[in-house]
């Protein structure tokens, strides 16, 4: 393709920095707009953030924010493609920092589109980092009703230790992969903002002659992800706890599942979205199509670190958390030729080997839990 100038917002983050390295290797000119959030990069990011330091000499770097029209105007100049990663991403945190999540995720995207709609530019394609969170609970097959999409679980059931989802008078629900045509019913403010971002780019971009692509990432993990952020990333949170010799407190009954997709596969899928015309004006799930329960995650990490810490299944839960969701990736396989290459066991090995090379971070997870308790979101 001829379009070689790419802007990556949030390009100093976990996915963004990995994508940056791959694109530079393919001959792209990369500009990064990033605010170097302390929650992700720690204090003194310009001097100490490994993710930022790994890209700073390879890109045109703009320290700024997507909530600033001036920063957007500077960043968009001369760009052919925008990959929009910059966002606030904590599901639980989004339930009590609502204005912040709306300002960054929704308003930040609106500012970008407003500039593109009202100025001269070269942008022809936008890739949006969307999220599986827009689905809320996953897709199920009911014995009586066929495909169904259960509503959010209620506190009364979970207080009694009943964590599974329910649907009307269905006698049996079977979890299946959530495809792109599944019902959109997010259960968190974060999910709502991602839904809104998708709707905006898919609606506005075609009117501007810009091709939108939305990639609904599942739970992305791998070497380089932030070990400092206590609000998101279960593998990082558990790893920090294990490295500190602390007990792993497993929410609910430990049987809740997610689709964990390795960073290299996510980067490959994103590049397919950038380079393949078949992706234009479409949305795709990006995952493995394999559900992994939280208790398996905890045991796998302990095994790979060879550090014995207690596992306690607490029955605690967070309001807004879903029970199950994994991706049906048939569409991206058929249309773009995507095939995840790294299975969970191999990915965990790569991840833990990398963590073993890092300094042990302070375990701040209790602080984040106490915040949610104060807001009435943790039971």
Protein backbone atom coordinates (compact mmCIF):
# COMPACT_ATOMS: atom_id res chain seq x y z
CA UNK A 1 0.00 0.00 0.00
CA UNK A 2 1.11 3.59 -0.59
CA UNK A 3 -0.15 5.16 2.63
CA UNK A 4 2.82 5.07 4.99
CA UNK A 5 2.29 7.80 7.58
CA UNK A 6 0.49 6.45 10.63
CA UNK A 7 -0.60 8.20 13.81
CA UNK A 8 -1.04 5.93 16.83
CA UNK A 9 -2.83 7.53 19.76
CA UNK A 10 -1.83 5.82 22.97
CA UNK A 11 1.14 4.53 21.00
CA UNK A 12 3.40 4.38 24.05
CA UNK A 13 1.03 1.93 25.73
CA UNK A 14 1.20 -1.85 25.74
CA UNK A 15 -0.53 -2.64 22.45
CA UNK A 16 0.48 0.65 20.83
CA UNK A 17 4.21 0.26 21.43
CA UNK A 18 4.21 -3.32 20.17
CA UNK A 19 2.33 -2.25 17.05
CA UNK A 20 4.76 0.64 16.60
CA UNK A 21 7.78 -1.67 16.49
CA UNK A 22 6.14 -3.96 13.94
CA UNK A 23 5.03 -1.08 11.69
CA UNK A 24 8.47 0.56 11.74
CA UNK A 25 9.92 -2.78 10.68
CA UNK A 26 7.52 -2.75 7.74
CA UNK A 27 8.66 0.72 6.64
CA UNK A 28 5.91 2.92 8.06
CA UNK A 29 6.54 6.40 9.47
CA UNK A 30 4.95 6.43 12.91
CA UNK A 31 3.78 9.40 14.97
CA UNK A 32 2.69 8.73 18.55
CA UNK A 33 0.35 10.90 20.62
CA UNK A 34 0.37 9.81 24.26
CA UNK A 35 -0.08 11.47 27.65
CA UNK A 36 2.16 8.90 29.42
CA UNK A 37 -0.44 8.23 32.10
CA UNK A 38 1.08 7.68 35.54
CA UNK A 39 -1.33 4.80 36.17
CA UNK A 40 0.26 2.90 33.28
CA UNK A 41 3.80 4.29 33.00
CA UNK A 42 4.54 5.26 36.59
CA UNK A 43 6.13 8.49 37.77
CA UNK A 44 8.81 10.15 35.66
CA UNK A 45 7.72 8.27 32.53
CA UNK A 46 10.02 10.24 30.22
CA UNK A 47 12.99 8.75 32.08
CA UNK A 48 11.74 5.43 33.43
CA UNK A 49 8.87 4.00 31.34
CA UNK A 50 10.20 0.95 29.43
CA UNK A 51 7.39 1.16 26.88
CA UNK A 52 8.05 4.82 26.10
CA UNK A 53 11.83 4.42 26.10
CA UNK A 54 11.55 1.53 23.63
CA UNK A 55 9.94 3.76 20.98
CA UNK A 56 11.03 7.33 21.70
CA UNK A 57 13.93 7.39 19.23
CA UNK A 58 11.99 5.59 16.50
CA UNK A 59 8.87 7.77 16.22
CA UNK A 60 7.74 11.36 16.10
CA UNK A 61 6.50 11.64 19.68
CA UNK A 62 3.92 14.14 20.88
CA UNK A 63 3.27 14.25 24.61
CA UNK A 64 -0.33 15.31 24.68
CA UNK A 65 -3.89 14.23 25.20
CA UNK A 66 -6.82 13.29 23.00
CA UNK A 67 -8.98 15.71 24.98
CA UNK A 68 -7.00 18.61 23.47
CA UNK A 69 -8.06 19.91 20.07
CA UNK A 70 -4.63 21.52 19.59
CA UNK A 71 -2.81 18.23 20.26
CA UNK A 72 -5.06 16.44 17.78
CA UNK A 73 -4.48 19.11 15.12
CA UNK A 74 -0.73 18.81 15.51
CA UNK A 75 -0.82 15.02 15.42
CA UNK A 76 -3.14 14.64 12.42
CA UNK A 77 -1.03 16.77 10.06
CA UNK A 78 0.38 14.67 7.24
CA UNK A 79 -1.11 11.39 8.46
CA UNK A 80 -2.61 8.80 6.11
CA UNK A 81 -3.95 6.44 8.77
CA UNK A 82 -4.98 6.85 12.42
CA UNK A 83 -4.88 3.96 14.87
CA UNK A 84 -6.89 5.15 17.85
CA UNK A 85 -5.81 3.33 21.03
CA UNK A 86 -5.77 6.18 23.56
CA UNK A 87 -8.45 5.48 26.17
CA UNK A 88 -9.19 4.98 29.81
CA UNK A 89 -9.56 1.22 30.15
CA UNK A 90 -10.45 0.01 33.66
CA UNK A 91 -13.89 -1.60 33.76
CA UNK A 92 -14.33 -1.25 37.51
CA UNK A 93 -12.76 2.19 37.68
CA UNK A 94 -15.10 3.43 34.95
CA UNK A 95 -18.05 2.97 37.29
CA UNK A 96 -16.94 5.80 39.59
CA UNK A 97 -14.74 7.94 37.33
CA UNK A 98 -17.53 8.37 34.85
CA UNK A 99 -16.79 11.88 33.59
CA UNK A 100 -13.12 11.02 33.05
CA UNK A 101 -13.98 7.97 30.95
CA UNK A 102 -16.55 9.88 28.92
CA UNK A 103 -14.20 12.84 28.41
CA UNK A 104 -11.28 10.74 27.20
CA UNK A 105 -13.00 7.96 25.29
CA UNK A 106 -16.08 9.65 23.84
CA UNK A 107 -15.12 13.32 23.73
CA UNK A 108 -11.58 12.52 22.61
CA UNK A 109 -12.95 10.57 19.65
CA UNK A 110 -15.48 13.32 18.90
CA UNK A 111 -12.71 15.95 18.74
CA UNK A 112 -10.80 13.80 16.25
CA UNK A 113 -13.84 13.37 14.02
CA UNK A 114 -14.74 17.06 14.29
CA UNK A 115 -11.29 18.04 13.04
CA UNK A 116 -11.46 15.53 10.18
CA UNK A 117 -14.92 16.79 9.21
CA UNK A 118 -13.91 20.45 9.21
CA UNK A 119 -10.36 20.66 7.90
CA UNK A 120 -8.12 19.57 5.06
CA UNK A 121 -6.18 16.37 5.79
CA UNK A 122 -4.82 13.19 4.21
CA UNK A 123 -6.46 10.61 6.48
CA UNK A 124 -8.05 7.74 4.56
CA UNK A 125 -8.43 5.08 7.23
CA UNK A 126 -9.09 4.86 10.98
CA UNK A 127 -8.54 1.74 13.08
CA UNK A 128 -10.34 1.86 16.41
CA UNK A 129 -9.36 -0.27 19.39
CA UNK A 130 -12.78 -1.40 20.49
CA UNK A 131 -13.43 -4.02 23.17
CA UNK A 132 -15.29 -7.22 23.99
CA UNK A 133 -16.80 -5.17 26.84
CA UNK A 134 -19.39 -3.75 24.45
CA UNK A 135 -21.11 -7.15 24.45
CA UNK A 136 -21.59 -7.31 28.19
CA UNK A 137 -22.42 -10.93 28.94
CA UNK A 138 -21.60 -13.34 26.16
CA UNK A 139 -23.82 -15.40 23.90
CA UNK A 140 -25.60 -18.53 25.12
CA UNK A 141 -27.80 -21.24 23.68
CA UNK A 142 -30.98 -21.89 25.62
CA UNK A 143 -32.65 -25.27 25.47
CA UNK A 144 -36.02 -23.56 25.13
CA UNK A 145 -35.24 -20.27 23.34
CA UNK A 146 -32.18 -20.84 21.12
CA UNK A 147 -29.53 -18.06 21.03
CA UNK A 148 -30.00 -15.68 23.98
CA UNK A 149 -28.17 -12.78 25.61
CA UNK A 150 -28.70 -12.75 29.39
CA UNK A 151 -28.94 -9.46 31.25
CA UNK A 152 -26.57 -8.40 34.01
CA UNK A 153 -26.53 -10.58 37.08
CA UNK A 154 -28.20 -9.30 40.23
CA UNK A 155 -26.65 -8.82 43.66
CA UNK A 156 -29.21 -10.97 45.47
CA UNK A 157 -28.16 -14.08 43.53
CA UNK A 158 -24.44 -13.42 43.86
CA UNK A 159 -24.75 -12.71 47.58
CA UNK A 160 -26.05 -16.29 47.85
CA UNK A 161 -23.08 -17.67 45.88
CA UNK A 162 -25.08 -18.13 42.66
CA UNK A 163 -22.86 -16.54 40.02
CA UNK A 164 -24.10 -18.03 36.77
CA UNK A 165 -26.27 -16.01 34.40
CA UNK A 166 -29.96 -16.69 33.94
CA UNK A 167 -32.43 -16.13 31.12
CA UNK A 168 -36.15 -16.11 31.75
CA UNK A 169 -37.39 -19.66 32.36
CA UNK A 170 -34.61 -21.41 30.47
CA UNK A 171 -33.70 -24.73 32.10
CA UNK A 172 -30.20 -24.85 30.61
CA UNK A 173 -27.78 -22.33 29.08
CA UNK A 174 -24.73 -23.33 27.05
CA UNK A 175 -21.98 -20.74 26.58
CA UNK A 176 -20.94 -20.23 22.95
CA UNK A 177 -18.61 -17.84 21.14
CA UNK A 178 -19.85 -14.27 20.84
CA UNK A 179 -19.92 -13.25 17.17
CA UNK A 180 -19.97 -9.73 15.76
CA UNK A 181 -23.73 -9.83 15.20
CA UNK A 182 -24.38 -10.56 18.87
CA UNK A 183 -26.39 -8.21 21.04
CA UNK A 184 -24.58 -5.10 22.26
CA UNK A 185 -25.46 -4.53 25.92
CA UNK A 186 -22.43 -3.32 27.90
CA UNK A 187 -22.47 -3.67 31.68
CA UNK A 188 -19.95 -0.92 32.51
CA UNK A 189 -19.35 2.72 31.65
CA UNK A 190 -16.14 1.63 29.91
CA UNK A 191 -18.14 -0.68 27.66
CA UNK A 192 -20.64 2.09 26.94
CA UNK A 193 -17.84 4.44 25.88
CA UNK A 194 -16.39 1.81 23.56
CA UNK A 195 -19.79 1.22 22.01
CA UNK A 196 -20.13 4.95 21.47
CA UNK A 197 -16.67 5.23 19.90
CA UNK A 198 -17.54 2.45 17.47
CA UNK A 199 -20.85 4.01 16.52
CA UNK A 200 -19.24 7.39 15.90
CA UNK A 201 -16.44 6.20 13.63
CA UNK A 202 -18.64 3.74 11.73
CA UNK A 203 -21.25 6.46 11.16
CA UNK A 204 -19.11 9.54 10.51
CA UNK A 205 -16.06 8.22 8.67
CA UNK A 206 -17.83 6.99 5.50
CA UNK A 207 -19.36 10.45 5.04
CA UNK A 208 -15.82 11.89 5.01
CA UNK A 209 -14.34 9.40 2.57
CA UNK A 210 -12.49 7.66 5.42
CA UNK A 211 -12.61 3.89 5.88
CA UNK A 212 -13.32 2.87 9.50
CA UNK A 213 -12.32 -0.46 11.05
CA UNK A 214 -13.27 -1.44 14.60
CA UNK A 215 -11.36 -4.24 16.30
CA UNK A 216 -13.06 -5.71 19.36
CA UNK A 217 -10.10 -6.92 21.37
CA UNK A 218 -10.55 -9.62 24.00
CA UNK A 219 -8.22 -9.77 27.06
CA UNK A 220 -4.81 -8.87 25.64
CA UNK A 221 -1.69 -9.99 27.52
CA UNK A 222 2.01 -10.56 27.04
CA UNK A 223 5.50 -9.20 27.72
CA UNK A 224 5.52 -5.44 28.20
CA UNK A 225 2.10 -4.97 29.73
CA UNK A 226 1.97 -2.65 32.71
CA UNK A 227 2.76 -4.28 36.04
CA UNK A 228 2.02 -0.98 37.81
CA UNK A 229 -1.68 -0.65 37.03
CA UNK A 230 -3.85 -2.22 39.76
CA UNK A 231 -7.10 -1.48 37.92
CA UNK A 232 -6.84 -3.66 34.83
CA UNK A 233 -5.08 -6.78 33.54
CA UNK A 234 -5.67 -9.85 35.68
CA UNK A 235 -2.39 -11.51 34.68
CA UNK A 236 -0.40 -8.47 35.77
CA UNK A 237 -2.38 -8.11 38.99
CA UNK A 238 -1.94 -11.77 39.92
CA UNK A 239 1.75 -11.68 38.94
CA UNK A 240 2.46 -8.73 41.20
CA UNK A 241 0.67 -10.45 44.07
CA UNK A 242 2.57 -13.71 43.55
CA UNK A 243 5.92 -11.92 43.30
CA UNK A 244 5.16 -10.18 46.59
CA UNK A 245 4.24 -13.48 48.21
CA UNK A 246 0.66 -12.38 48.75
CA UNK A 247 -2.49 -14.48 48.75
CA UNK A 248 -4.47 -14.64 45.52
CA UNK A 249 -8.06 -13.76 46.33
CA UNK A 250 -10.22 -15.21 43.57
CA UNK A 251 -13.54 -13.46 42.98
CA UNK A 252 -16.83 -15.33 42.69
CA UNK A 253 -16.09 -19.08 42.44
CA UNK A 254 -13.13 -18.84 40.08
CA UNK A 255 -15.08 -20.35 37.20
CA UNK A 256 -15.70 -17.06 35.38
CA UNK A 257 -14.05 -17.12 31.95
CA UNK A 258 -12.35 -14.77 29.53
CA UNK A 259 -10.64 -15.06 26.13
CA UNK A 260 -6.93 -14.31 26.62
CA UNK A 261 -5.19 -13.30 23.40
CA UNK A 262 -1.42 -12.85 23.11
CA UNK A 263 0.00 -9.48 22.15
CA UNK A 264 1.75 -10.69 18.99
CA UNK A 265 -1.53 -12.04 17.65
CA UNK A 266 -3.28 -8.76 18.45
CA UNK A 267 -0.60 -6.80 16.58
CA UNK A 268 -0.92 -9.12 13.58
CA UNK A 269 -4.70 -8.71 13.55
CA UNK A 270 -4.36 -4.93 13.78
CA UNK A 271 -1.97 -4.82 10.83
CA UNK A 272 -4.44 -6.86 8.80
CA UNK A 273 -7.02 -4.19 9.63
CA UNK A 274 -4.62 -1.49 8.50
CA UNK A 275 -3.46 -3.10 5.27
CA UNK A 276 -6.40 -5.11 3.99
CA UNK A 277 -9.08 -3.28 2.02
CA UNK A 278 -11.46 -6.12 2.90
CA UNK A 279 -11.51 -4.80 6.46
CA UNK A 280 -12.83 -1.36 5.49
CA UNK A 281 -16.13 -0.35 7.09
CA UNK A 282 -16.30 -3.50 9.21
CA UNK A 283 -15.97 -4.66 12.81
CA UNK A 284 -14.03 -7.73 13.90
CA UNK A 285 -13.51 -9.73 17.05
CA UNK A 286 -9.86 -10.27 17.94
CA UNK A 287 -9.31 -13.18 20.28
CA UNK A 288 -8.51 -16.89 20.33
CA UNK A 289 -11.98 -18.37 20.50
CA UNK A 290 -11.00 -20.26 23.66
CA UNK A 291 -12.47 -19.48 27.14
CA UNK A 292 -10.09 -19.78 30.13
CA UNK A 293 -11.38 -19.61 33.70
CA UNK A 294 -9.79 -17.38 36.34
CA UNK A 295 -8.77 -20.25 38.62
CA UNK A 296 -6.82 -21.80 35.72
CA UNK A 297 -5.08 -18.45 35.19
CA UNK A 298 -4.04 -18.29 38.85
CA UNK A 299 -2.76 -21.87 38.95
CA UNK A 300 -0.88 -21.45 35.64
CA UNK A 301 0.93 -18.35 36.91
CA UNK A 302 1.90 -20.00 40.20
CA UNK A 303 3.21 -23.03 38.30
CA UNK A 304 5.27 -20.94 35.87
CA UNK A 305 6.74 -18.70 38.58
CA UNK A 306 7.37 -21.71 40.82
CA UNK A 307 6.28 -19.58 43.78
CA UNK A 308 3.77 -21.08 46.16
CA UNK A 309 1.14 -18.65 47.45
CA UNK A 310 -2.31 -19.45 48.86
CA UNK A 311 -5.33 -19.30 46.56
CA UNK A 312 -8.52 -18.28 48.33
CA UNK A 313 -11.85 -18.38 46.51
CA UNK A 314 -13.62 -15.54 48.28
CA UNK A 315 -17.08 -15.29 46.74
CA UNK A 316 -16.50 -11.54 46.47
CA UNK A 317 -17.65 -9.87 43.29
CA UNK A 318 -17.57 -6.54 41.49
CA UNK A 319 -20.72 -4.93 40.19
CA UNK A 320 -20.43 -4.54 36.42
CA UNK A 321 -18.26 -7.63 35.92
CA UNK A 322 -19.53 -10.16 33.42
CA UNK A 323 -19.53 -13.92 34.00
CA UNK A 324 -18.42 -15.31 30.64
CA UNK A 325 -17.41 -14.05 27.22
CA UNK A 326 -15.19 -15.48 24.52
CA UNK A 327 -14.91 -14.52 20.89
CA UNK A 328 -16.23 -16.24 17.82
CA UNK A 329 -13.40 -15.34 15.41
CA UNK A 330 -14.85 -16.97 12.29
CA UNK A 331 -15.34 -13.63 10.51
CA UNK A 332 -11.76 -12.35 10.86
CA UNK A 333 -10.40 -15.77 9.94
CA UNK A 334 -12.41 -15.97 6.73
CA UNK A 335 -12.24 -12.34 5.59
CA UNK A 336 -8.73 -11.33 6.69
CA UNK A 337 -6.97 -14.66 7.10
CA UNK A 338 -6.25 -14.09 10.79
CA UNK A 339 -5.15 -17.10 12.80
CA UNK A 340 -3.94 -16.78 16.41
CA UNK A 341 -0.53 -18.45 16.72
CA UNK A 342 0.11 -18.42 20.48
CA UNK A 343 -2.01 -20.64 22.73
CA UNK A 344 -2.60 -19.86 26.38
CA UNK A 345 0.02 -22.21 27.85
CA UNK A 346 2.73 -20.91 25.53
CA UNK A 347 1.68 -17.30 26.05
CA UNK A 348 1.79 -17.67 29.84
CA UNK A 349 5.31 -19.08 29.55
CA UNK A 350 6.46 -16.09 27.47
CA UNK A 351 4.73 -13.67 29.82
CA UNK A 352 6.11 -15.08 33.06
CA UNK A 353 9.64 -15.34 31.63
CA UNK A 354 9.45 -11.64 30.88
CA UNK A 355 8.03 -10.77 34.31
CA UNK A 356 10.96 -12.60 35.88
CA UNK A 357 13.29 -10.06 34.26
CA UNK A 358 11.43 -7.09 35.77
CA UNK A 359 11.71 -5.39 39.14
CA UNK A 360 9.04 -6.51 41.60
CA UNK A 361 6.36 -3.82 41.71
CA UNK A 362 4.55 -2.79 44.87
CA UNK A 363 1.23 -4.59 45.24
CA UNK A 364 -1.35 -1.79 45.15
CA UNK A 365 -4.34 -3.96 44.34
CA UNK A 366 -5.83 -3.61 47.83
CA UNK A 367 -5.96 0.14 47.26
CA UNK A 368 -8.05 -0.29 44.12
CA UNK A 369 -10.38 -2.74 45.90
CA UNK A 370 -10.85 -0.33 48.79
CA UNK A 371 -11.80 2.39 46.30
CA UNK A 372 -14.50 0.15 44.85
CA UNK A 373 -15.72 -0.79 48.34
CA UNK A 374 -16.10 2.89 49.18
CA UNK A 375 -18.20 3.34 46.04
CA UNK A 376 -20.39 0.34 46.80
CA UNK A 377 -19.13 -1.59 43.77
CA UNK A 378 -17.32 -4.43 45.55
CA UNK A 379 -19.26 -7.01 47.56
